[in-house]
């Protein structure tokens, strides 16, 4: 196990929090994740799993998964909202 400060120094952290702020930080991150597309999260996990599977073609999967998701109504609506926020 690596202490938090050492992990940050090594560059292997994604998020950090002080001990007294941990619960609030976990709730914040969980809230952000819960607002993401379930399809996109599943596709991301599948692509990550393919990376460690020598039988999988991870590059093909990274092309295939977005091609499956983007035609959905949810994806189109999320993209439209994203560009609407950027335009304002």
N, C-alpha and C. Protein backbone atom coordinates (compact mmCIF):
# COMPACT_ATOMS: atom_id res chain seq x y z
N UNK A 1 0.85 -1.17 0.00
CA UNK A 1 0.00 0.00 0.00
C UNK A 1 0.90 1.24 0.00
N UNK A 2 0.44 2.26 -0.68
CA UNK A 2 1.19 3.51 -0.80
C UNK A 2 0.38 4.62 -0.13
N UNK A 3 1.04 5.42 0.69
CA UNK A 3 0.38 6.57 1.31
C UNK A 3 -0.07 7.55 0.23
N UNK A 4 -1.09 8.32 0.52
CA UNK A 4 -1.64 9.27 -0.44
C UNK A 4 -0.64 10.27 -0.97
N UNK A 5 0.18 10.83 -0.09
CA UNK A 5 1.16 11.82 -0.54
C UNK A 5 2.19 11.19 -1.46
N UNK A 6 2.58 9.95 -1.17
CA UNK A 6 3.55 9.25 -2.02
C UNK A 6 2.91 8.91 -3.37
N UNK A 7 1.66 8.47 -3.35
CA UNK A 7 0.95 8.17 -4.59
C UNK A 7 0.85 9.41 -5.47
N UNK A 8 0.54 10.55 -4.87
CA UNK A 8 0.46 11.80 -5.62
C UNK A 8 1.82 12.17 -6.20
N UNK A 9 2.88 11.99 -5.40
CA UNK A 9 4.23 12.28 -5.87
C UNK A 9 4.60 11.40 -7.06
N UNK A 10 4.16 10.14 -7.04
CA UNK A 10 4.46 9.21 -8.12
C UNK A 10 3.57 9.43 -9.35
N UNK A 11 2.53 10.23 -9.18
CA UNK A 11 1.63 10.51 -10.30
C UNK A 11 0.65 9.39 -10.57
N UNK A 12 0.30 8.62 -9.55
CA UNK A 12 -0.61 7.49 -9.75
C UNK A 12 -1.98 7.72 -9.10
N UNK A 13 -2.30 8.96 -8.84
CA UNK A 13 -3.62 9.28 -8.27
C UNK A 13 -4.50 9.92 -9.34
N UNK A 14 -5.78 9.70 -9.20
CA UNK A 14 -6.72 10.42 -10.04
C UNK A 14 -7.41 11.50 -9.22
N UNK A 15 -7.75 11.16 -7.98
CA UNK A 15 -8.37 12.10 -7.07
C UNK A 15 -7.69 11.98 -5.72
N UNK A 16 -7.69 13.06 -4.97
CA UNK A 16 -7.15 13.03 -3.61
C UNK A 16 -8.09 13.79 -2.69
N UNK A 17 -7.98 13.49 -1.40
CA UNK A 17 -8.78 14.20 -0.40
C UNK A 17 -8.09 14.06 0.95
N UNK A 18 -8.23 15.08 1.76
CA UNK A 18 -7.77 14.99 3.14
C UNK A 18 -8.69 14.02 3.87
N UNK A 19 -8.19 13.38 4.92
CA UNK A 19 -8.97 12.38 5.65
C UNK A 19 -10.32 12.92 6.10
N UNK A 20 -10.36 14.14 6.61
CA UNK A 20 -11.62 14.71 7.09
C UNK A 20 -12.59 15.08 5.98
N UNK A 21 -12.11 15.13 4.75
CA UNK A 21 -12.95 15.50 3.61
C UNK A 21 -13.29 14.30 2.73
N UNK A 22 -12.86 13.11 3.15
CA UNK A 22 -13.00 11.93 2.30
C UNK A 22 -14.45 11.60 1.97
N UNK A 23 -15.33 11.58 2.97
CA UNK A 23 -16.73 11.23 2.71
C UNK A 23 -17.38 12.20 1.72
N UNK A 24 -17.12 13.48 1.89
CA UNK A 24 -17.70 14.48 0.98
C UNK A 24 -17.14 14.31 -0.42
N UNK A 25 -15.86 14.02 -0.52
CA UNK A 25 -15.23 13.84 -1.84
C UNK A 25 -15.77 12.60 -2.53
N UNK A 26 -15.94 11.51 -1.78
CA UNK A 26 -16.52 10.29 -2.34
C UNK A 26 -17.93 10.55 -2.83
N UNK A 27 -18.72 11.26 -2.05
CA UNK A 27 -20.10 11.58 -2.46
C UNK A 27 -20.10 12.43 -3.72
N UNK A 28 -19.18 13.39 -3.81
CA UNK A 28 -19.09 14.24 -5.00
C UNK A 28 -18.76 13.42 -6.25
N UNK A 29 -17.76 12.55 -6.14
CA UNK A 29 -17.35 11.74 -7.28
C UNK A 29 -18.46 10.75 -7.67
N UNK A 30 -19.06 10.12 -6.68
CA UNK A 30 -20.15 9.18 -6.96
C UNK A 30 -21.32 9.90 -7.63
N UNK A 31 -21.60 11.12 -7.21
CA UNK A 31 -22.67 11.90 -7.85
C UNK A 31 -22.36 12.20 -9.30
N UNK A 32 -21.11 12.54 -9.58
CA UNK A 32 -20.71 12.81 -10.97
C UNK A 32 -20.82 11.55 -11.82
N UNK A 33 -20.36 10.44 -11.29
CA UNK A 33 -20.40 9.18 -12.04
C UNK A 33 -21.84 8.75 -12.28
N UNK A 34 -22.70 8.94 -11.29
CA UNK A 34 -24.10 8.52 -11.44
C UNK A 34 -24.83 9.32 -12.52
N UNK A 35 -24.30 10.48 -12.87
CA UNK A 35 -24.91 11.28 -13.92
C UNK A 35 -24.42 10.95 -15.32
N UNK A 36 -23.48 10.02 -15.41
CA UNK A 36 -22.95 9.64 -16.72
C UNK A 36 -23.84 8.59 -17.39
N UNK A 37 -23.67 8.45 -18.66
CA UNK A 37 -24.41 7.45 -19.43
C UNK A 37 -23.99 6.05 -19.01
N UNK A 38 -24.98 5.21 -18.69
CA UNK A 38 -24.68 3.83 -18.31
C UNK A 38 -24.06 3.09 -19.49
N UNK A 39 -24.56 3.35 -20.69
CA UNK A 39 -24.00 2.70 -21.88
C UNK A 39 -22.54 3.09 -22.08
N UNK A 40 -22.25 4.36 -21.93
CA UNK A 40 -20.88 4.83 -22.13
C UNK A 40 -19.94 4.27 -21.05
N UNK A 41 -20.41 4.21 -19.81
CA UNK A 41 -19.59 3.62 -18.75
C UNK A 41 -19.31 2.15 -19.02
N UNK A 42 -20.34 1.41 -19.43
CA UNK A 42 -20.16 -0.01 -19.74
C UNK A 42 -19.19 -0.19 -20.90
N UNK A 43 -19.31 0.66 -21.92
CA UNK A 43 -18.41 0.59 -23.07
C UNK A 43 -16.98 0.89 -22.65
N UNK A 44 -16.81 1.89 -21.79
CA UNK A 44 -15.47 2.23 -21.30
C UNK A 44 -14.85 1.07 -20.53
N UNK A 45 -15.65 0.46 -19.66
CA UNK A 45 -15.15 -0.69 -18.90
C UNK A 45 -14.78 -1.84 -19.83
N UNK A 46 -15.58 -2.05 -20.86
CA UNK A 46 -15.30 -3.11 -21.82
C UNK A 46 -13.98 -2.85 -22.55
N UNK A 47 -13.75 -1.61 -22.94
CA UNK A 47 -12.50 -1.25 -23.62
C UNK A 47 -11.30 -1.41 -22.69
N UNK A 48 -11.48 -1.03 -21.43
CA UNK A 48 -10.39 -1.19 -20.45
C UNK A 48 -10.09 -2.67 -20.23
N UNK A 49 -11.14 -3.48 -20.13
CA UNK A 49 -10.95 -4.93 -19.96
C UNK A 49 -10.24 -5.53 -21.18
N UNK A 50 -10.55 -5.04 -22.36
CA UNK A 50 -9.92 -5.55 -23.58
C UNK A 50 -8.43 -5.30 -23.58
N UNK A 51 -8.01 -4.22 -22.94
CA UNK A 51 -6.59 -3.89 -22.88
C UNK A 51 -5.79 -5.02 -22.23
N UNK A 52 -6.37 -5.66 -21.21
CA UNK A 52 -5.64 -6.70 -20.48
C UNK A 52 -5.93 -8.11 -21.00
N UNK A 53 -6.72 -8.23 -22.06
CA UNK A 53 -7.06 -9.54 -22.63
C UNK A 53 -6.32 -9.70 -23.95
N UNK A 54 -5.31 -10.57 -23.99
CA UNK A 54 -4.53 -10.71 -25.22
C UNK A 54 -5.35 -11.25 -26.40
N UNK A 55 -6.51 -11.84 -26.12
CA UNK A 55 -7.35 -12.36 -27.21
C UNK A 55 -8.24 -11.28 -27.81
N UNK A 56 -8.36 -10.15 -27.14
CA UNK A 56 -9.26 -9.09 -27.59
C UNK A 56 -8.51 -8.10 -28.48
N UNK A 57 -9.23 -7.55 -29.43
CA UNK A 57 -8.67 -6.48 -30.27
C UNK A 57 -9.16 -5.16 -29.69
N UNK A 58 -8.38 -4.63 -28.76
CA UNK A 58 -8.78 -3.42 -28.05
C UNK A 58 -8.99 -2.22 -28.95
N UNK A 59 -8.15 -2.08 -29.98
CA UNK A 59 -8.30 -0.94 -30.89
C UNK A 59 -9.62 -1.02 -31.65
N UNK A 60 -9.96 -2.22 -32.11
CA UNK A 60 -11.23 -2.39 -32.82
C UNK A 60 -12.39 -2.11 -31.89
N UNK A 61 -12.27 -2.53 -30.65
CA UNK A 61 -13.35 -2.31 -29.69
C UNK A 61 -13.54 -0.82 -29.41
N UNK A 62 -12.44 -0.06 -29.38
CA UNK A 62 -12.54 1.38 -29.15
C UNK A 62 -13.22 2.10 -30.31
N UNK A 63 -13.21 1.53 -31.47
CA UNK A 63 -13.93 2.09 -32.61
C UNK A 63 -15.37 1.60 -32.61
N UNK A 64 -15.54 0.33 -32.29
CA UNK A 64 -16.86 -0.31 -32.32
C UNK A 64 -17.82 0.26 -31.27
N UNK A 65 -17.35 0.44 -30.05
CA UNK A 65 -18.25 0.86 -28.96
C UNK A 65 -18.88 2.23 -29.19
N UNK A 66 -18.11 3.26 -29.53
CA UNK A 66 -18.76 4.55 -29.81
C UNK A 66 -19.71 4.47 -31.01
N UNK A 67 -19.36 3.65 -32.00
CA UNK A 67 -20.24 3.51 -33.16
C UNK A 67 -21.57 2.89 -32.76
N UNK A 68 -21.58 2.06 -31.73
CA UNK A 68 -22.82 1.47 -31.24
C UNK A 68 -23.63 2.47 -30.41
N UNK A 69 -22.93 3.30 -29.66
CA UNK A 69 -23.60 4.21 -28.72
C UNK A 69 -24.10 5.49 -29.39
N UNK A 70 -23.32 6.08 -30.27
CA UNK A 70 -23.65 7.39 -30.83
C UNK A 70 -25.00 7.48 -31.53
N UNK A 71 -25.49 6.43 -32.17
CA UNK A 71 -26.81 6.54 -32.80
C UNK A 71 -27.99 6.57 -31.82
N UNK A 72 -27.75 6.30 -30.53
CA UNK A 72 -28.86 6.28 -29.59
C UNK A 72 -29.35 7.69 -29.28
N UNK A 73 -30.60 7.77 -28.92
CA UNK A 73 -31.18 9.07 -28.59
C UNK A 73 -30.47 9.71 -27.40
N UNK A 74 -30.16 8.90 -26.39
CA UNK A 74 -29.48 9.45 -25.21
C UNK A 74 -28.16 10.09 -25.61
N UNK A 75 -27.39 9.42 -26.44
CA UNK A 75 -26.09 9.97 -26.86
C UNK A 75 -26.27 11.26 -27.63
N UNK A 76 -27.21 11.29 -28.55
CA UNK A 76 -27.44 12.51 -29.33
C UNK A 76 -27.85 13.66 -28.42
N UNK A 77 -28.73 13.39 -27.47
CA UNK A 77 -29.17 14.45 -26.55
C UNK A 77 -28.01 14.95 -25.69
N UNK A 78 -27.16 14.06 -25.22
CA UNK A 78 -26.01 14.47 -24.40
C UNK A 78 -25.03 15.31 -25.22
N UNK A 79 -24.81 14.92 -26.47
CA UNK A 79 -23.90 15.69 -27.33
C UNK A 79 -24.49 17.07 -27.60
N UNK A 80 -25.80 17.13 -27.87
CA UNK A 80 -26.44 18.43 -28.10
C UNK A 80 -26.33 19.32 -26.87
N UNK A 81 -26.56 18.76 -25.67
CA UNK A 81 -26.43 19.55 -24.44
C UNK A 81 -24.99 20.03 -24.25
N UNK A 82 -24.04 19.18 -24.56
CA UNK A 82 -22.63 19.55 -24.43
C UNK A 82 -22.31 20.75 -25.31
N UNK A 83 -22.70 20.68 -26.58
CA UNK A 83 -22.39 21.78 -27.49
C UNK A 83 -23.19 23.04 -27.16
N UNK A 84 -24.39 22.88 -26.63
CA UNK A 84 -25.18 24.04 -26.22
C UNK A 84 -24.49 24.77 -25.06
N UNK A 85 -23.92 24.01 -24.12
CA UNK A 85 -23.18 24.63 -23.00
C UNK A 85 -21.94 25.34 -23.51
N UNK A 86 -21.24 24.73 -24.45
CA UNK A 86 -20.02 25.34 -24.99
C UNK A 86 -20.33 26.62 -25.75
N UNK A 87 -21.49 26.67 -26.41
CA UNK A 87 -21.86 27.84 -27.21
C UNK A 87 -22.27 29.01 -26.33
N UNK A 88 -22.73 28.74 -25.12
CA UNK A 88 -23.21 29.84 -24.25
C UNK A 88 -22.13 30.40 -23.37
